[in-house]
Amino acid sequence: MRGRAALARARPLAVAAATVIALATLGGACSDADESGRGSSTSVASAGGPTSSTRPAVATTTTVVPRSQADVAVPATATAVVEALTRVERGLRRDGVADDELARLGWEQHLAYAVLAQRPEWHGEVFGALDPDIAAVARANVDAGTQLSGLAEPQPDLPAWRIRAPKSVAELLAYYEEGQSASNVPWPYLAAIHFVETRMGRIVGTSTAGAQGPMQFIPETWAAFGEGDIYDDRDAILAAARYLASRGAPDDMRRALYSYNNSDRYVSAIASYAEVIARDPRAYVGYYHWQVHYGTTSGRYLLPEGFGDGVAAVRLDALSQPG
């Protein structure tokens, strides 16, 4: 695929919390990223991103979406978290798993990490009981969620968003790989940003900073780096790749990510998710199936696909306890 010339410098991307928002693994609501200190300029190891030979397998069966993540049990004990994460992380990394099973595994994975993030007193027991390879993944996911949860406080009301169904695993992966081919930005970073900003394009809403679209561009930055429709996943992903390349990627990913969102917490979270995917690209499929959680002062809610168009939010009582 043809490379794209770097475009002129523009203002840093004001990434809105319309998206970093719901994305905290803990399901908390984030507001605009804090501006406390520039991140270090060390490059994040990525080995250049996986090659096409390590692409996650995409099942060819017809997608069957489970009824609701609200129907999936939240682990109630540390032992239950260990069992859930062992089964889910192993299941997501098997070949030939049907689409409906991958969706259920992704939903269970999301809930297991959400409750683990709320229960730091379980961390020693859980991480110690997991197999070392799964423990490393679990630590990375919990650390990333903790970083994102620190970006904002829960809000009193649900957001004025629409939640839509994302494009398919295969279609989004093709966009990430196209961005990597054009700009040399490792595709796991593009996937991680898409995941954190809008849950792979599920969230449709403008941030308090005016950022728009699935990769959350402010209009001025889009005018310099965007081509096409700011709300189109492919156009936005390719624009993000061009932007990151103009800011030092792939040689200095931390610097590039800090330019995208001026927050050390954000940089650390994106790097953690990207490195999990880079180590085993099948992890991307699990993240793809995570849903939109939103924390309010009265509790946490699942915002299902169709929210904003008549579908109601679902209270996640099992994730509403303090701690």
Foldseek 3Di string as FASTA:
>chain_A
DAADDFFDDFAFFFQAQLFLACQQLLREGFGGFDQPDFDDQAAQDQVLADDPVQAADDAPDDADAPPDLLPPDQDDDLVSLLVLLQVLVVVLQDPPDDNRVLLNSLSSVSRSLNVCLQCVVSLVVNLVPHDVVSSLLSVLSSLLSVLSNVRHHAAADDDLKAFAQADDPVVLLVLLVVLCVHQSAHSLLLLLLLCSRHLRLRIADAGPVRFGASNTGHVRLCVGQFDDDRNDSSRVSNSLSSQLSNQPPPRGNSRSQCSNGVHPSNSSSSSSRSNVCSVRVSVSSSSSSHFGWYGHPQAIWTQDRCRNVPDDIHGNVVSGDGD
